[in-house]
Amino acid sequence: MRKYADLHIHLALKHLVDKGLEGRMNIWDRIVYNPEIHKPERAASDQYDQSDLTSLVENNVKIAVVALHPVEIVATKSWKNRLIAKIFFGFEVDRLKKWSKNGVNAFTILNRELAVITQEEGEINTKKTLQNIQKNGDLEAKIAVDREDFDNEEITKIVLSIEGAHALTDLPYNTEGEKLKQEVLKNLRFLQFERNLPIFSLTLCHFANNRMVKQSWALPLPGVTKLIPIPVKRELDAPDFTFNDIGLAVLDQCLNQPKEHRILIDLKHTHVDARKEFYEKHIRNSDGSFKAPILASHCGVSGMPDFAAAAKVKNVKREGKKKKYQRFNPWAINFCDEELKIIMESEGLFGVSLDQRILGAANDEYYRAVRDHLKEQYGKSKWDDFYDKDRLGRIHAAMFLDNLLYTVHKMGDEKAWSCVCIGSDFDGIIDPIDCCPTVKYFPEFEELLFKEFNHLRFRNEENIFIPKDKTLETVLRDVFYNNINNFMKKHIHWYAMDKVELSV
């Protein structure tokens, strides 16, 4: 059975939000996706699981980078926010209300989410030793704590990451300045040097202003929000700085450490202006070498040639539907051509998302072009014989493949095939591609890409630099497993502090 790896999933967010309900009794519990009754869409995201622990183990996902992500204040501040969060993003209203009323802030929520995974009781904010081996009958998974863990490729390994530096503080969301800086660095140091479960990577920001790093526009709200005043909606606006002194201190604390304590930087959600500054000023040593590999964990490409063009794309939902954008999702949250080669040169990883929105499915010009291309490639008769769901699945598969191959094309070297991988964002409140709605579908998705590659490939004229000693089948294996596995073996330098086992 083929092995799989994913650079960005969510494992316990739903289990925390709906704790104690059916399918949420413990980290092994789940709501199984049923294509007959479940729609793989964003608003239905609390009705089934895409990347639960049982499914990871059963479906041979051997490495899963699990993002710990506290819900931001914009989703909890008032009943209006919570209602929109429920209707459009799948968050459970009563739980969000309780968080808001109790003043439970981000670092505590991060630890509560981690406690769901490790099955700890009580608050664990200052607890140094947590359980890292989980068993449920014949099923077993472990949170990776040292380099040797990656030598065993037969066990499912959870690699912890943090999505958003707002997760590092329990202070009120609008705290700024020295008080925020001290709180963030204190909690970051605790995670780096005192807790036994190492943090692999930090996404610097998410969709709200964290008063540290400029975030990318990422949350197009429904039209009803124009009619209903939404409290703290202004928090979605990006600040007028790229990195302030707190953001720079976080970078320094993560990167300028011995490798066994280093935390890699994930640039997803970081504003294009801040990404540009990061590449130019913050990730290189004085001799020009890279301090660390660069991660872009669950992304798409924008098709914009450089930073200047990317920065000009307007932050409105319908911008991606304009006829001038013939391909991809042009929003600046996606990566432009100029930065793709930098990620490759750093020996980093670029995880291609399985979120329809990120891949460009809402771009009408792109959707029609891909559909018409597939109709021509398969032949009108065969295309018409497909069921609607099979046609849609192939459109989504072609968009994923186009994002992947374009990334390789613009990186411009055979080495690109060593740094592209899957970064699904499963269970992160996404609208997954119809051909791969959960981790269970990884094998047939890989098979579809391999067997129908020539039909699904959108731009045959673009060079994709497959190495002479590789085949299409082997580079797809690299994308679905080997690249992440090899990366961990090369760049993880952790050593074990304490290992604790828990069986259900």
Foldseek 3Di string as FASTA:
>chain_A
DFAFEALEAAEQPLLLQPPPDQQNPAQQGWFDDDPVPDALFLLCLSRGFFEGQNCCQVQRHAEYAHAQEFDDCLCQQDQVSVVLCNRGHNGDNVSSPVCNVVLFFQQQSSQSSVCRVQVDDDGCLQPAETAFWEAEVPAIEGADQFLVVLVDRNHRYYAYAYEELSNQASDPQPDEDPVVLVSNVVSLCCQLPGHQRHHAAYAHHAQFERRFAWFFHDDAGDPCCVVPPRPPPCRRDTDPDGGDPSNLVVLCSQQVDPLQRHHAYAHQRGALVNVVCCLVPPQADPVGAGSAQYHPREAFAQAAADSVRLVPQDNHPCSLQDPVRQAFRNHSSHHHLVCLLVNLRRVAAYAYEQFCVRLRVVHVNNLVLQLVLLCVLVDVVVLVPDDPLVSQLLSSLLSSVQRLQVSLLSNPEQSSLLHYAHHHHTSVSGSGRSQRSHSSNVVVSLVCCVVCVVSSHNDPVGDRHNDPVDDPNVSSSSHGHVSVSVCSSVRNGHDGDDHHHDYD
